[in-house]
């Protein structure tokens, strides 16, 4: 196991194209860290720099306090699982898993024992004599993970390893990876663009955007206390609703206007801003209280109902999640949406979270 320190790490490609703008991260020994963000944000590039597959343009990469900027991949004590399985088609599962150990000169009996032990952990012992073409996608991914584990690395790197699997297998493999981390206790870094994977797998999450880290924290910390509008909108499905609002009158006030509606905010608002509310933190009010919106679509998902609306007087779409036993909404109906005052967020027009003074309950 090992701790990682990433100090002002930069990546500049020929021609002056900079894709990482000074990344600073600390990953503790035994931590499961997740890098999440949209495509092209730099998360996979950073992972490849950690692995030694990309040169470091600036800054330092430390493993257990030692700078490894110029060490070749084979000397970093790291194993990487790629998006593609990259298994040798002419080799059996056992041969694929033990190939790196064979190249390292390990005796055949030790290779066989190491492969057998890892196969037992991953529950693929019965597959050891098969070739990759005889395996399902989930089985091939287990073999790729086993090939990494068998080397007993200090750090595991996963580059979107579940993206080629169907939805059911993705859920199953997330459970297996989480169990594997608890069993091995090894430092793991996992890259994904799927915020569900990030929320369910990570001890900590680093949210990337355009070559920068927007925020680092536990899944619940990022979900409940996002630093800015990008983080708030990226984590959560459906995403957080964002609605422009402004104080009513010239003085700071708790009365704010959103579209055609004037409602009472849970704090004093002194400037035009953006209010953010997650779909589960909205309810349908009675007596004409709340934000007036027209229902555009109702999705019945069995255990929950998603109601998609548009605020009257604006082009702002707002979704809310309700219980199947809640009052039913029909398409075209005008409803009043009431935000939970304890879970309402405010952002400046530039996207920065506003520190507002919450009124006494």
Protein backbone atom coordinates (compact mmCIF):
# COMPACT_ATOMS: atom_id res chain seq x y z
CA UNK A 1 0.00 0.00 0.00
CA UNK A 2 1.07 3.58 -0.55
CA UNK A 3 0.07 7.20 -0.14
CA UNK A 4 0.16 9.54 -3.13
CA UNK A 5 1.00 13.21 -3.22
CA UNK A 6 0.25 15.25 -6.33
CA UNK A 7 1.89 18.67 -6.17
CA UNK A 8 1.10 21.32 -8.80
CA UNK A 9 1.09 18.68 -11.54
CA UNK A 10 0.83 20.05 -15.09
CA UNK A 11 0.53 18.50 -18.51
CA UNK A 12 1.40 20.48 -21.64
CA UNK A 13 1.38 18.83 -25.05
CA UNK A 14 3.51 19.99 -28.00
CA UNK A 15 2.22 23.25 -29.38
CA UNK A 16 1.56 24.65 -25.91
CA UNK A 17 -1.77 22.87 -25.35
CA UNK A 18 -2.14 22.68 -21.55
CA UNK A 19 -4.66 20.09 -20.34
CA UNK A 20 -3.81 20.00 -16.62
CA UNK A 21 -3.33 23.34 -14.89
CA UNK A 22 -1.52 22.57 -11.64
CA UNK A 23 -3.32 19.70 -9.87
CA UNK A 24 -2.90 19.33 -6.10
CA UNK A 25 -4.23 16.19 -4.41
CA UNK A 26 -3.35 13.98 -1.46
CA UNK A 27 -4.51 10.35 -1.47
CA UNK A 28 -4.09 8.47 1.80
CA UNK A 29 -2.69 4.98 2.20
CA UNK A 30 -5.51 2.49 1.56
CA UNK A 31 -7.95 5.11 0.27
CA UNK A 32 -10.40 4.52 -2.58
CA UNK A 33 -10.22 7.81 -4.49
CA UNK A 34 -12.42 8.58 -7.49
CA UNK A 35 -11.67 11.11 -10.23
CA UNK A 36 -14.93 12.18 -11.86
CA UNK A 37 -15.79 14.73 -14.50
CA UNK A 38 -17.03 15.17 -18.08
CA UNK A 39 -15.13 13.84 -21.08
CA UNK A 40 -11.98 15.84 -21.85
CA UNK A 41 -11.56 17.27 -18.34
CA UNK A 42 -8.11 15.68 -17.81
CA UNK A 43 -8.91 12.91 -15.32
CA UNK A 44 -7.62 10.03 -17.49
CA UNK A 45 -4.55 12.06 -18.45
CA UNK A 46 -3.70 12.45 -14.76
CA UNK A 47 -4.19 8.72 -14.20
CA UNK A 48 -1.80 7.92 -17.06
CA UNK A 49 0.75 10.35 -15.60
CA UNK A 50 0.54 8.53 -12.27
CA UNK A 51 1.08 5.24 -14.10
CA UNK A 52 4.09 6.62 -15.98
CA UNK A 53 2.41 6.35 -19.39
CA UNK A 54 2.44 10.14 -19.89
CA UNK A 55 5.36 12.49 -19.19
CA UNK A 56 4.96 15.06 -16.44
CA UNK A 57 5.35 18.64 -17.71
CA UNK A 58 5.61 20.26 -14.28
CA UNK A 59 5.14 19.64 -10.58
CA UNK A 60 5.83 16.50 -8.54
CA UNK A 61 4.29 13.06 -8.19
CA UNK A 62 5.13 11.46 -4.84
CA UNK A 63 4.57 7.83 -3.87
CA UNK A 64 5.17 7.26 -0.16
CA UNK A 65 7.01 10.57 -0.07
CA UNK A 66 9.41 9.72 -2.91
CA UNK A 67 9.32 11.71 -6.15
CA UNK A 68 8.74 9.28 -9.05
CA UNK A 69 8.51 11.78 -11.93
CA UNK A 70 11.28 10.09 -13.89
CA UNK A 71 10.77 6.47 -12.81
CA UNK A 72 9.59 4.08 -15.55
CA UNK A 73 6.16 2.45 -15.06
CA UNK A 74 7.65 -0.89 -14.05
CA UNK A 75 9.41 0.66 -11.04
CA UNK A 76 6.45 2.58 -9.58
CA UNK A 77 4.68 -0.38 -7.97
CA UNK A 78 1.44 0.37 -9.83
CA UNK A 79 -1.05 -1.82 -11.70
CA UNK A 80 -3.60 -0.39 -14.11
CA UNK A 81 -6.94 -1.74 -15.36
CA UNK A 82 -7.96 -0.18 -18.67
CA UNK A 83 -11.35 0.48 -20.23
CA UNK A 84 -10.64 -2.25 -22.78
CA UNK A 85 -9.84 -5.65 -21.30
CA UNK A 86 -6.69 -6.06 -23.44
CA UNK A 87 -6.47 -9.82 -22.82
CA UNK A 88 -4.26 -12.03 -24.97
CA UNK A 89 -6.77 -14.08 -27.03
CA UNK A 90 -4.45 -17.07 -27.51
CA UNK A 91 -3.77 -17.45 -23.75
CA UNK A 92 -5.95 -19.03 -21.10
CA UNK A 93 -7.25 -16.99 -18.17
CA UNK A 94 -4.49 -18.40 -15.96
CA UNK A 95 -1.82 -17.52 -18.52
CA UNK A 96 -3.19 -14.00 -18.94
CA UNK A 97 -3.20 -13.40 -15.20
CA UNK A 98 0.27 -14.81 -14.64
CA UNK A 99 2.01 -13.38 -17.70
CA UNK A 100 3.64 -10.41 -15.93
CA UNK A 101 4.94 -12.67 -13.16
CA UNK A 102 6.37 -15.07 -15.75
CA UNK A 103 8.15 -12.18 -17.48
CA UNK A 104 9.58 -11.15 -14.11
CA UNK A 105 11.18 -14.58 -13.78
CA UNK A 106 9.02 -15.94 -10.96
CA UNK A 107 9.12 -19.75 -10.66
CA UNK A 108 6.20 -21.55 -12.29
CA UNK A 109 4.89 -22.98 -9.01
CA UNK A 110 4.79 -19.53 -7.39
CA UNK A 111 3.02 -18.06 -10.42
CA UNK A 112 0.41 -20.81 -10.27
CA UNK A 113 -0.15 -20.22 -6.54
CA UNK A 114 -0.44 -16.45 -6.94
CA UNK A 115 -2.91 -16.84 -9.82
CA UNK A 116 -4.94 -19.40 -7.89
CA UNK A 117 -5.16 -17.21 -4.79
CA UNK A 118 -6.36 -14.20 -6.80
CA UNK A 119 -8.80 -16.32 -8.83
CA UNK A 120 -10.36 -17.49 -5.57
CA UNK A 121 -10.79 -13.90 -4.36
CA UNK A 122 -12.49 -12.95 -7.66
CA UNK A 123 -14.48 -16.21 -7.85
CA UNK A 124 -13.12 -17.14 -11.28
CA UNK A 125 -11.28 -20.36 -10.35
CA UNK A 126 -13.53 -22.38 -12.69
CA UNK A 127 -12.55 -20.12 -15.58
CA UNK A 128 -8.76 -20.50 -15.39
CA UNK A 129 -8.50 -22.89 -18.34
CA UNK A 130 -10.82 -20.95 -20.63
CA UNK A 131 -9.71 -18.47 -23.26
CA UNK A 132 -11.10 -14.91 -23.39
CA UNK A 133 -13.49 -15.63 -26.30
CA UNK A 134 -15.36 -18.07 -24.03
CA UNK A 135 -15.98 -15.44 -21.33
CA UNK A 136 -18.73 -12.90 -20.82
CA UNK A 137 -17.94 -9.19 -20.51
CA UNK A 138 -18.13 -9.30 -16.73
CA UNK A 139 -15.85 -12.34 -16.58
CA UNK A 140 -13.29 -10.69 -18.86
CA UNK A 141 -13.27 -7.63 -16.63
CA UNK A 142 -12.66 -9.83 -13.59
CA UNK A 143 -9.70 -11.41 -15.39
CA UNK A 144 -8.30 -7.95 -16.21
CA UNK A 145 -8.65 -6.97 -12.55
CA UNK A 146 -7.06 -10.25 -11.48
CA UNK A 147 -4.10 -9.64 -13.76
CA UNK A 148 -3.54 -6.36 -11.90
CA UNK A 149 -4.01 -7.85 -8.42
CA UNK A 150 -1.64 -10.75 -8.94
CA UNK A 151 1.33 -8.36 -9.10
CA UNK A 152 0.62 -7.16 -5.51
CA UNK A 153 1.04 -3.47 -6.44
CA UNK A 154 1.19 -0.53 -4.06
CA UNK A 155 -1.54 1.30 -6.00
CA UNK A 156 -4.36 0.17 -8.31
CA UNK A 157 -5.45 2.46 -11.13
CA UNK A 158 -8.81 1.94 -12.85
CA UNK A 159 -9.56 3.84 -16.07
CA UNK A 160 -13.35 3.61 -16.62
CA UNK A 161 -13.24 -0.20 -16.32
CA UNK A 162 -17.02 -0.73 -16.34
CA UNK A 163 -18.00 1.47 -19.28
CA UNK A 164 -18.25 -1.48 -21.70
CA UNK A 165 -20.64 -3.46 -19.48
CA UNK A 166 -24.43 -3.38 -19.52
CA UNK A 167 -26.36 -1.70 -16.70
CA UNK A 168 -26.93 -4.84 -14.62
CA UNK A 169 -23.28 -5.92 -14.79
CA UNK A 170 -22.12 -2.42 -13.89
CA UNK A 171 -24.09 -2.58 -10.64
CA UNK A 172 -22.74 -6.05 -9.87
CA UNK A 173 -19.13 -5.06 -10.61
CA UNK A 174 -19.41 -1.92 -8.46
CA UNK A 175 -20.34 -4.15 -5.54
CA UNK A 176 -17.46 -6.51 -6.33
CA UNK A 177 -14.92 -3.66 -6.55
CA UNK A 178 -16.09 -2.22 -3.25
CA UNK A 179 -15.77 -5.63 -1.56
CA UNK A 180 -12.36 -6.13 -3.17
CA UNK A 181 -11.06 -2.84 -1.81
CA UNK A 182 -12.22 -3.72 1.70
CA UNK A 183 -10.55 -7.13 1.45
CA UNK A 184 -7.23 -5.96 0.00
CA UNK A 185 -6.99 -2.56 1.73
CA UNK A 186 -4.83 -1.29 -1.14
CA UNK A 187 -4.81 2.31 -2.37
CA UNK A 188 -7.10 2.58 -5.40
CA UNK A 189 -7.71 5.42 -7.86
CA UNK A 190 -10.74 5.08 -10.08
CA UNK A 191 -11.57 7.30 -13.07
CA UNK A 192 -15.13 7.63 -14.34
CA UNK A 193 -17.53 10.10 -15.93
CA UNK A 194 -20.45 8.31 -14.23
CA UNK A 195 -21.44 10.21 -11.08
CA UNK A 196 -23.35 7.14 -9.76
CA UNK A 197 -20.11 5.11 -9.78
CA UNK A 198 -18.31 7.98 -8.07
CA UNK A 199 -20.92 8.33 -5.32
CA UNK A 200 -21.16 4.60 -4.58
CA UNK A 201 -17.49 3.61 -4.77
CA UNK A 202 -15.33 6.44 -3.47
CA UNK A 203 -14.06 7.22 0.02
CA UNK A 204 -13.24 10.56 -1.56
CA UNK A 205 -14.17 12.19 -4.86
CA UNK A 206 -12.21 14.75 -6.87
CA UNK A 207 -14.44 16.58 -9.35
CA UNK A 208 -12.52 17.66 -12.46
CA UNK A 209 -13.47 20.39 -14.93
CA UNK A 210 -11.32 21.69 -17.80
CA UNK A 211 -8.02 20.55 -16.33
CA UNK A 212 -8.73 21.75 -12.79
CA UNK A 213 -10.04 20.13 -9.61
CA UNK A 214 -13.22 21.95 -8.60
CA UNK A 215 -13.69 20.22 -5.22
CA UNK A 216 -12.47 17.23 -3.21
CA UNK A 217 -14.39 15.55 -0.42
CA UNK A 218 -16.53 12.60 0.65
CA UNK A 219 -19.51 11.73 -1.56
CA UNK A 220 -22.06 13.16 0.90
CA UNK A 221 -19.98 16.29 1.50
CA UNK A 222 -19.92 17.09 -2.21
CA UNK A 223 -23.58 16.23 -2.64
CA UNK A 224 -24.82 18.30 0.28
CA UNK A 225 -22.28 21.15 0.31
CA UNK A 226 -21.02 21.79 -3.25
CA UNK A 227 -18.55 24.68 -3.57
CA UNK A 228 -19.95 25.86 -6.87
CA UNK A 229 -22.67 25.38 -9.42
CA UNK A 230 -20.61 22.99 -11.57
CA UNK A 231 -20.14 20.48 -8.73
CA UNK A 232 -23.77 20.88 -7.65
CA UNK A 233 -25.00 20.15 -11.15
CA UNK A 234 -22.63 17.31 -11.93
CA UNK A 235 -23.47 15.11 -8.93
CA UNK A 236 -27.04 13.88 -8.73
CA UNK A 237 -29.54 12.29 -11.12
CA UNK A 238 -31.68 14.04 -12.12
CA UNK A 239 -29.32 16.99 -11.75
CA UNK A 240 -29.91 19.86 -9.34
CA UNK A 241 -32.43 22.46 -10.56
CA UNK A 242 -31.03 25.96 -11.10
CA UNK A 243 -33.39 28.93 -11.17
CA UNK A 244 -32.46 32.61 -11.54
CA UNK A 245 -33.88 34.81 -8.78
CA UNK A 246 -33.63 38.36 -7.49
CA UNK A 247 -34.67 40.19 -4.32
CA UNK A 248 -37.96 42.04 -4.41
CA UNK A 249 -37.39 45.77 -3.84
CA UNK A 250 -34.14 47.68 -3.44
CA UNK A 251 -33.12 46.38 0.01
CA UNK A 252 -31.85 42.90 0.93
CA UNK A 253 -34.92 40.79 1.49
CA UNK A 254 -36.23 37.29 2.05
CA UNK A 255 -38.83 37.96 -0.64
CA UNK A 256 -37.44 36.90 -4.00
CA UNK A 257 -38.82 36.71 -7.52
CA UNK A 258 -38.34 33.71 -9.78
CA UNK A 259 -40.12 33.98 -13.10
CA UNK A 260 -43.70 35.03 -12.36
CA UNK A 261 -43.51 33.90 -8.72
CA UNK A 262 -42.62 35.77 -5.56
CA UNK A 263 -41.71 33.45 -2.71
CA UNK A 264 -40.01 33.53 0.67
CA UNK A 265 -36.37 32.42 0.63
CA UNK A 266 -34.81 30.82 3.73
CA UNK A 267 -32.21 33.59 3.86
CA UNK A 268 -31.65 37.25 3.10
CA UNK A 269 -30.96 37.76 -0.61
CA UNK A 270 -29.13 40.97 -1.54
CA UNK A 271 -28.33 40.46 -5.23
CA UNK A 272 -29.55 38.65 -8.36
CA UNK A 273 -28.36 35.08 -8.09
CA UNK A 274 -29.18 31.46 -8.89
CA UNK A 275 -31.09 29.24 -6.47
CA UNK A 276 -30.34 25.51 -6.59
CA UNK A 277 -32.68 22.79 -5.33
CA UNK A 278 -32.40 19.06 -5.89
CA UNK A 279 -35.49 17.26 -7.28
CA UNK A 280 -36.04 15.36 -4.02
CA UNK A 281 -36.01 18.63 -2.08
CA UNK A 282 -39.03 20.06 -3.91
CA UNK A 283 -42.66 19.35 -3.09
CA UNK A 284 -46.00 20.39 -4.55
CA UNK A 285 -47.58 23.01 -2.34
CA UNK A 286 -51.23 23.81 -1.65
CA UNK A 287 -52.95 27.17 -1.37
CA UNK A 288 -50.99 28.88 -4.13
CA UNK A 289 -47.70 28.95 -2.24
CA UNK A 290 -44.37 28.41 -4.02
CA UNK A 291 -43.06 28.65 -7.58
CA UNK A 292 -45.66 28.48 -10.34
CA UNK A 293 -44.77 25.90 -12.98
CA UNK A 294 -46.49 23.97 -15.74
CA UNK A 295 -46.16 20.19 -15.91
CA UNK A 296 -44.57 19.00 -19.17
CA UNK A 297 -43.93 15.31 -18.50
CA UNK A 298 -44.61 12.77 -15.74
CA UNK A 299 -42.41 9.65 -15.51
CA UNK A 300 -43.72 6.79 -13.35
CA UNK A 301 -40.72 4.67 -12.30
CA UNK A 302 -42.43 2.33 -9.86
CA UNK A 303 -40.89 3.37 -6.55
CA UNK A 304 -40.77 7.05 -7.50
CA UNK A 305 -42.32 9.59 -9.85
CA UNK A 306 -40.35 12.24 -11.74
CA UNK A 307 -42.32 15.34 -12.64
CA UNK A 308 -40.73 17.61 -15.26
CA UNK A 309 -42.02 21.19 -15.33
CA UNK A 310 -41.21 24.63 -16.72
CA UNK A 311 -41.40 27.75 -14.53
CA UNK A 312 -44.06 30.15 -15.71
CA UNK A 313 -42.61 33.26 -17.30
CA UNK A 314 -39.23 31.60 -18.00
CA UNK A 315 -37.62 28.86 -20.09
CA UNK A 316 -36.26 27.26 -16.91
CA UNK A 317 -36.90 23.52 -16.61
CA UNK A 318 -37.44 22.17 -13.08
CA UNK A 319 -37.75 18.51 -12.09
CA UNK A 320 -39.02 17.09 -8.83
CA UNK A 321 -39.03 13.59 -7.42
CA UNK A 322 -42.15 12.50 -5.56
CA UNK A 323 -43.67 9.38 -4.06
CA UNK A 324 -46.14 7.30 -6.09
CA UNK A 325 -48.72 7.99 -3.36
CA UNK A 326 -48.31 11.78 -3.65
CA UNK A 327 -51.07 13.76 -5.39
CA UNK A 328 -50.94 13.01 -9.10
CA UNK A 329 -49.98 15.65 -11.66
CA UNK A 330 -51.24 15.72 -15.21
CA UNK A 331 -49.43 17.12 -18.22
CA UNK A 332 -50.38 20.76 -18.74
CA UNK A 333 -51.44 21.34 -15.13
CA UNK A 334 -50.11 24.39 -13.25
CA UNK A 335 -48.56 23.46 -9.90
CA UNK A 336 -46.77 25.33 -7.11
CA UNK A 337 -43.29 24.02 -6.23
CA UNK A 338 -42.06 24.51 -2.67
CA UNK A 339 -38.29 24.18 -1.99
CA UNK A 340 -37.16 22.64 1.29
CA UNK A 341 -35.65 25.69 3.07
CA UNK A 342 -33.02 23.54 4.80
CA UNK A 343 -31.66 22.21 1.50
CA UNK A 344 -31.77 25.26 -0.76
CA UNK A 345 -28.48 26.50 -2.24
CA UNK A 346 -27.59 29.93 -3.62
CA UNK A 347 -24.94 30.67 -6.23
CA UNK A 348 -23.66 33.88 -7.76
CA UNK A 349 -24.29 34.45 -11.45
CA UNK A 350 -20.67 33.35 -12.02
CA UNK A 351 -21.42 29.99 -10.36
CA UNK A 352 -19.71 30.46 -6.96
CA UNK A 353 -21.61 29.29 -3.89
CA UNK A 354 -22.87 32.23 -1.81
CA UNK A 355 -22.42 32.23 1.95
CA UNK A 356 -25.85 33.43 2.94
CA UNK A 357 -27.17 34.04 6.43
CA UNK A 358 -29.87 31.50 7.17
CA UNK A 359 -32.75 32.83 9.23
CA UNK A 360 -33.66 31.16 12.53
CA UNK A 361 -36.04 28.21 12.13
